[in-house]
Each structure stands twice: as C-alpha cells, then as structure tokens.
C-alpha cells in the first residue's frame, strides 16, 4: 500500500516541482536527449546547434538507457526522476513522461551535477 502511494506522489511530482516549462515525452518512443536539447533550445530561443553540448552536462548514453523503456528494470520500472544542470537550467526528467525546465538564478551552475 505504501509503495502505491509513493508511486502516485512521484508520478505527480512534476506538477509541483516549481518548473517554468513542462515538456511531455513518450518513454521508449522518443530520444530523451533530443527532447531535452530541443526543449532548452526553444526555451532560450536559439538553434539546437548553438546551445551547449548535452554530453558536457550529463552522460547521454546513460540518460538514454534510463528512459529507453525496452529493458526490464529501467526507468519505467524503477527510476522516478533524474535531474541535472544544463544551459543555465535545472532539467528534471520524470519516468512518467515529463521533462521540466527551471531557469537557474546563478548561471555559473549550469553544467554537470546529475542526480537521481
């Protein structure tokens, strides 16, 4: 019973995380890295090729593997959220199919620092 309640709260967490932007994605059907890069590019009003490289902020292979959805025990079963700093934003990815972006006040904290 507690597990169900925790899962429900985690599934709804994106609604209350204080983010500026919410972008839906379909885990397993869409590249999460592409979703993040396009969302940041739209948010800051620049072309994807002109923003910082995502792999400088996070291990992109690991990120794709977490949200691939094809393998038992991946994000769809176990991980509820991953967050990291990228391009002056805090990026949160929820296994329920939502990416949120929150602009950081201190641009010096815009890269690295992934957490799960």
C-alpha atoms as a PDB file:
ATOM      1  CA  UNK A   1       0.000   0.000   0.000  1.00  0.00           C
ATOM      2  CA  UNK A   2       2.783   2.464   0.844  1.00  0.00           C
ATOM      3  CA  UNK A   3       4.504   1.629  -2.455  1.00  0.00           C
ATOM      4  CA  UNK A   4       1.369   2.605  -4.391  1.00  0.00           C
ATOM      5  CA  UNK A   5       1.097   5.946  -2.572  1.00  0.00           C
ATOM      6  CA  UNK A   6       4.787   6.722  -3.113  1.00  0.00           C
ATOM      7  CA  UNK A   7       4.496   5.879  -6.803  1.00  0.00           C
ATOM      8  CA  UNK A   8       1.426   8.085  -7.160  1.00  0.00           C
ATOM      9  CA  UNK A   9       3.197  11.024  -5.480  1.00  0.00           C
ATOM     10  CA  UNK A  10       6.238  10.547  -7.698  1.00  0.00           C
ATOM     11  CA  UNK A  11       4.068  10.399 -10.801  1.00  0.00           C
ATOM     12  CA  UNK A  12       2.528  13.750  -9.888  1.00  0.00           C
ATOM     13  CA  UNK A  13       5.793  15.387  -8.730  1.00  0.00           C
ATOM     14  CA  UNK A  14       6.358  17.253 -11.982  1.00  0.00           C
ATOM     15  CA  UNK A  15       3.208  19.277 -11.336  1.00  0.00           C
ATOM     16  CA  UNK A  16       4.683  20.817  -8.185  1.00  0.00           C
ATOM     17  CA  UNK A  17       8.437  20.950  -8.823  1.00  0.00           C
ATOM     18  CA  UNK A  18       8.421  24.717  -9.381  1.00  0.00           C
ATOM     19  CA  UNK A  19       9.444  24.415 -13.022  1.00  0.00           C
ATOM     20  CA  UNK A  20       8.984  27.128 -15.633  1.00  0.00           C
ATOM     21  CA  UNK A  21       8.359  24.733 -18.537  1.00  0.00           C
ATOM     22  CA  UNK A  22       6.928  21.208 -18.818  1.00  0.00           C
ATOM     23  CA  UNK A  23       7.540  19.139 -21.946  1.00  0.00           C
ATOM     24  CA  UNK A  24       5.866  15.754 -22.421  1.00  0.00           C
ATOM     25  CA  UNK A  25       7.701  12.813 -23.964  1.00  0.00           C
ATOM     26  CA  UNK A  26       6.920   9.154 -24.577  1.00  0.00           C
ATOM     27  CA  UNK A  27       9.465   6.985 -22.723  1.00  0.00           C
ATOM     28  CA  UNK A  28      10.844   4.355 -25.053  1.00  0.00           C
ATOM     29  CA  UNK A  29       9.462   6.033 -28.187  1.00  0.00           C
ATOM     30  CA  UNK A  30      11.377   9.312 -28.209  1.00  0.00           C
ATOM     31  CA  UNK A  31      15.036  10.149 -27.631  1.00  0.00           C
ATOM     32  CA  UNK A  32      15.174  11.792 -24.220  1.00  0.00           C
ATOM     33  CA  UNK A  33      18.374  13.603 -25.163  1.00  0.00           C
ATOM     34  CA  UNK A  34      16.773  15.069 -28.266  1.00  0.00           C
ATOM     35  CA  UNK A  35      13.727  16.066 -26.220  1.00  0.00           C
ATOM     36  CA  UNK A  36      15.912  17.901 -23.678  1.00  0.00           C
ATOM     37  CA  UNK A  37      18.042  19.686 -26.297  1.00  0.00           C
ATOM     38  CA  UNK A  38      15.014  20.824 -28.292  1.00  0.00           C
ATOM     39  CA  UNK A  39      13.202  21.980 -25.141  1.00  0.00           C
ATOM     40  CA  UNK A  40      16.205  24.033 -23.986  1.00  0.00           C
ATOM     41  CA  UNK A  41      16.752  25.484 -27.472  1.00  0.00           C
ATOM     42  CA  UNK A  42      13.095  26.570 -27.662  1.00  0.00           C
ATOM     43  CA  UNK A  43      13.223  27.943 -24.128  1.00  0.00           C
ATOM     44  CA  UNK A  44      16.260  30.147 -24.753  1.00  0.00           C
ATOM     45  CA  UNK A  45      15.310  30.993 -28.339  1.00  0.00           C
ATOM     46  CA  UNK A  46      18.339  29.571 -30.087  1.00  0.00           C
ATOM     47  CA  UNK A  47      19.097  26.793 -32.560  1.00  0.00           C
ATOM     48  CA  UNK A  48      19.945  23.399 -31.035  1.00  0.00           C
ATOM     49  CA  UNK A  49      23.371  23.501 -32.708  1.00  0.00           C
ATOM     50  CA  UNK A  50      24.198  26.774 -30.924  1.00  0.00           C
ATOM     51  CA  UNK A  51      23.497  25.706 -27.330  1.00  0.00           C
ATOM     52  CA  UNK A  52      25.972  23.894 -25.035  1.00  0.00           C
ATOM     53  CA  UNK A  53      26.564  20.220 -25.747  1.00  0.00           C
ATOM     54  CA  UNK A  54      24.364  17.985 -23.617  1.00  0.00           C
ATOM     55  CA  UNK A  55      27.158  15.470 -23.116  1.00  0.00           C
ATOM     56  CA  UNK A  56      29.123  18.156 -21.249  1.00  0.00           C
ATOM     57  CA  UNK A  57      26.371  18.179 -18.598  1.00  0.00           C
ATOM     58  CA  UNK A  58      25.350  14.523 -18.361  1.00  0.00           C
ATOM     59  CA  UNK A  59      26.263  11.046 -19.626  1.00  0.00           C
ATOM     60  CA  UNK A  60      23.937  10.927 -22.642  1.00  0.00           C
ATOM     61  CA  UNK A  61      24.272   7.162 -23.143  1.00  0.00           C
ATOM     62  CA  UNK A  62      23.248   6.527 -19.544  1.00  0.00           C
ATOM     63  CA  UNK A  63      20.372   9.001 -19.857  1.00  0.00           C
ATOM     64  CA  UNK A  64      19.053   7.295 -22.990  1.00  0.00           C
ATOM     65  CA  UNK A  65      19.385   3.880 -21.315  1.00  0.00           C
ATOM     66  CA  UNK A  66      17.434   5.038 -18.259  1.00  0.00           C
ATOM     67  CA  UNK A  67      14.495   6.210 -20.331  1.00  0.00           C
ATOM     68  CA  UNK A  68      14.675   3.700 -23.193  1.00  0.00           C
ATOM     69  CA  UNK A  69      11.859   1.559 -21.808  1.00  0.00           C
ATOM     70  CA  UNK A  70      12.838  -1.599 -23.684  1.00  0.00           C
ATOM     71  CA  UNK A  71      14.615  -3.292 -20.832  1.00  0.00           C
ATOM     72  CA  UNK A  72      13.178  -4.701 -17.612  1.00  0.00           C
ATOM     73  CA  UNK A  73      14.435  -2.756 -14.636  1.00  0.00           C
ATOM     74  CA  UNK A  74      14.980   0.542 -16.457  1.00  0.00           C
ATOM     75  CA  UNK A  75      13.420   3.896 -15.674  1.00  0.00           C
ATOM     76  CA  UNK A  76       9.903   2.823 -16.448  1.00  0.00           C
ATOM     77  CA  UNK A  77      10.079   0.270 -13.627  1.00  0.00           C
ATOM     78  CA  UNK A  78      12.403   1.799 -11.045  1.00  0.00           C
ATOM     79  CA  UNK A  79      13.643   5.365 -11.593  1.00  0.00           C
ATOM     80  CA  UNK A  80      11.167   8.118 -10.909  1.00  0.00           C
ATOM     81  CA  UNK A  81      13.239  11.233 -11.653  1.00  0.00           C
ATOM     82  CA  UNK A  82      16.677  12.366 -12.786  1.00  0.00           C
ATOM     83  CA  UNK A  83      17.861  15.958 -12.557  1.00  0.00           C
ATOM     84  CA  UNK A  84      20.907  17.853 -13.794  1.00  0.00           C
ATOM     85  CA  UNK A  85      22.058  21.348 -14.672  1.00  0.00           C
ATOM     86  CA  UNK A  86      22.260  22.250 -18.339  1.00  0.00           C
ATOM     87  CA  UNK A  87      22.416  25.544 -20.236  1.00  0.00           C
ATOM     88  CA  UNK A  88      21.559  27.676 -17.185  1.00  0.00           C
ATOM     89  CA  UNK A  89      18.561  25.467 -16.326  1.00  0.00           C
ATOM     90  CA  UNK A  90      17.744  22.710 -13.897  1.00  0.00           C
ATOM     91  CA  UNK A  91      16.417  19.850 -16.022  1.00  0.00           C
ATOM     92  CA  UNK A  92      14.238  17.214 -14.387  1.00  0.00           C
ATOM     93  CA  UNK A  93      13.150  14.106 -16.257  1.00  0.00           C
ATOM     94  CA  UNK A  94      10.320  12.028 -14.854  1.00  0.00           C
ATOM     95  CA  UNK A  95       9.778   8.410 -15.861  1.00  0.00           C
ATOM     96  CA  UNK A  96       6.083   9.197 -16.237  1.00  0.00           C
ATOM     97  CA  UNK A  97       6.894  11.117 -19.434  1.00  0.00           C
ATOM     98  CA  UNK A  98       7.633  14.705 -18.491  1.00  0.00           C
ATOM     99  CA  UNK A  99      10.718  16.900 -18.774  1.00  0.00           C
ATOM    100  CA  UNK A 100      10.677  20.096 -16.742  1.00  0.00           C
ATOM    101  CA  UNK A 101      12.963  23.117 -17.015  1.00  0.00           C
ATOM    102  CA  UNK A 102      13.661  25.699 -14.336  1.00  0.00           C
ATOM    103  CA  UNK A 103      15.908  28.641 -15.106  1.00  0.00           C
ATOM    104  CA  UNK A 104      18.761  28.934 -12.619  1.00  0.00           C
ATOM    105  CA  UNK A 105      19.482  32.255 -10.941  1.00  0.00           C
ATOM    106  CA  UNK A 106      23.242  31.591 -10.924  1.00  0.00           C
ATOM    107  CA  UNK A 107      24.428  30.839 -14.493  1.00  0.00           C
ATOM    108  CA  UNK A 108      27.718  29.549 -13.078  1.00  0.00           C
ATOM    109  CA  UNK A 109      25.903  26.369 -12.012  1.00  0.00           C
ATOM    110  CA  UNK A 110      24.734  25.436 -15.495  1.00  0.00           C
ATOM    111  CA  UNK A 111      26.703  22.272 -16.220  1.00  0.00           C
ATOM    112  CA  UNK A 112      27.307  18.941 -14.573  1.00  0.00           C
ATOM    113  CA  UNK A 113      25.818  17.728 -11.333  1.00  0.00           C
ATOM    114  CA  UNK A 114      23.445  14.963 -12.361  1.00  0.00           C
ATOM    115  CA  UNK A 115      21.376  13.338  -9.604  1.00  0.00           C
ATOM    116  CA  UNK A 116      18.829  10.568  -9.471  1.00  0.00           C
END
